[in-house]
Protein backbone atom coordinates (compact mmCIF):
# COMPACT_ATOMS: atom_id res chain seq x y z
CA UNK A 1 0.00 0.00 0.00
CA UNK A 2 1.45 3.34 -1.04
CA UNK A 3 1.31 6.10 1.56
CA UNK A 4 1.45 9.82 0.94
CA UNK A 5 2.68 12.63 3.14
CA UNK A 6 -0.03 13.85 5.48
CA UNK A 7 -1.76 17.08 4.65
CA UNK A 8 -2.17 19.71 7.43
CA UNK A 9 -5.96 19.59 7.12
CA UNK A 10 -6.04 15.81 7.46
CA UNK A 11 -6.27 14.63 11.06
CA UNK A 12 -4.21 11.48 10.91
CA UNK A 13 -0.85 10.38 9.61
CA UNK A 14 0.36 6.91 8.79
CA UNK A 15 2.79 5.11 11.09
CA UNK A 16 5.65 5.78 8.67
CA UNK A 17 4.79 9.49 8.58
CA UNK A 18 4.80 9.67 12.38
CA UNK A 19 8.12 7.82 12.55
CA UNK A 20 9.79 10.20 10.12
CA UNK A 21 8.27 13.23 11.88
CA UNK A 22 9.62 12.15 15.25
CA UNK A 23 12.98 11.36 13.65
CA UNK A 24 13.13 15.02 12.59
CA UNK A 25 12.28 16.02 16.19
CA UNK A 26 15.24 13.96 17.43
CA UNK A 27 17.58 15.55 14.87
CA UNK A 28 16.49 19.01 16.03
CA UNK A 29 17.21 18.13 19.67
CA UNK A 30 20.55 16.53 18.75
CA UNK A 31 21.72 19.62 16.85
CA UNK A 32 20.65 21.93 19.71
CA UNK A 33 18.51 24.16 17.52
CA UNK A 34 17.12 26.93 19.73
CA UNK A 35 13.39 26.13 19.73
CA UNK A 36 10.72 24.28 21.67
CA UNK A 37 8.55 21.70 19.92
CA UNK A 38 5.12 20.69 21.15
CA UNK A 39 4.52 17.56 19.10
CA UNK A 40 0.86 16.93 19.87
CA UNK A 41 -0.10 20.55 19.22
CA UNK A 42 2.22 20.67 16.18
CA UNK A 43 3.64 23.99 17.35
CA UNK A 44 7.24 25.22 17.23
CA UNK A 45 8.20 28.12 19.48
CA UNK A 46 11.26 30.08 18.37
CA UNK A 47 13.06 33.04 19.98
CA UNK A 48 12.26 36.52 18.69
CA UNK A 49 15.91 37.05 17.69
CA UNK A 50 15.91 34.13 15.23
CA UNK A 51 16.17 35.55 11.71
CA UNK A 52 16.30 32.37 9.60
CA UNK A 53 14.61 29.02 10.08
CA UNK A 54 16.63 25.83 9.98
CA UNK A 55 15.73 23.51 7.05
CA UNK A 56 14.55 20.82 9.49
CA UNK A 57 12.00 23.26 10.92
CA UNK A 58 10.87 24.16 7.42
CA UNK A 59 10.37 20.47 6.65
CA UNK A 60 8.09 20.11 9.68
CA UNK A 61 6.09 23.13 8.55
CA UNK A 62 5.70 22.11 4.91
CA UNK A 63 5.21 18.36 5.24
CA UNK A 64 3.55 17.92 8.64
CA UNK A 65 1.52 21.07 9.26
CA UNK A 66 3.48 22.50 12.20
CA UNK A 67 2.97 26.16 13.10
CA UNK A 68 5.64 28.69 14.09
CA UNK A 69 5.16 30.95 17.09
CA UNK A 70 7.63 33.41 18.60
CA UNK A 71 8.27 33.68 22.31
CA UNK A 72 5.96 36.21 23.92
CA UNK A 73 8.22 37.13 26.83
CA UNK A 74 11.95 37.71 27.17
CA UNK A 75 13.74 35.30 29.50
CA UNK A 76 15.07 37.08 32.54
CA UNK A 77 18.35 36.00 34.06
CA UNK A 78 18.84 36.64 37.75
């Protein structure tokens, strides 16, 4: 059975799609890309200072329907 990439408006993904999506999540954590990923909400939170998106983040947006959101508050260091 041939599977296709999931569309953002489609609720479910195949098992292979989920495996490849979570593999991208692991690569992002391994490379220490400055972002927070909420997998079940399909949301990526990036710092306000970030000017360019990493290609792995772009892949999540285009292929898996993730949304980008900037941080609302500046982190305070005490």
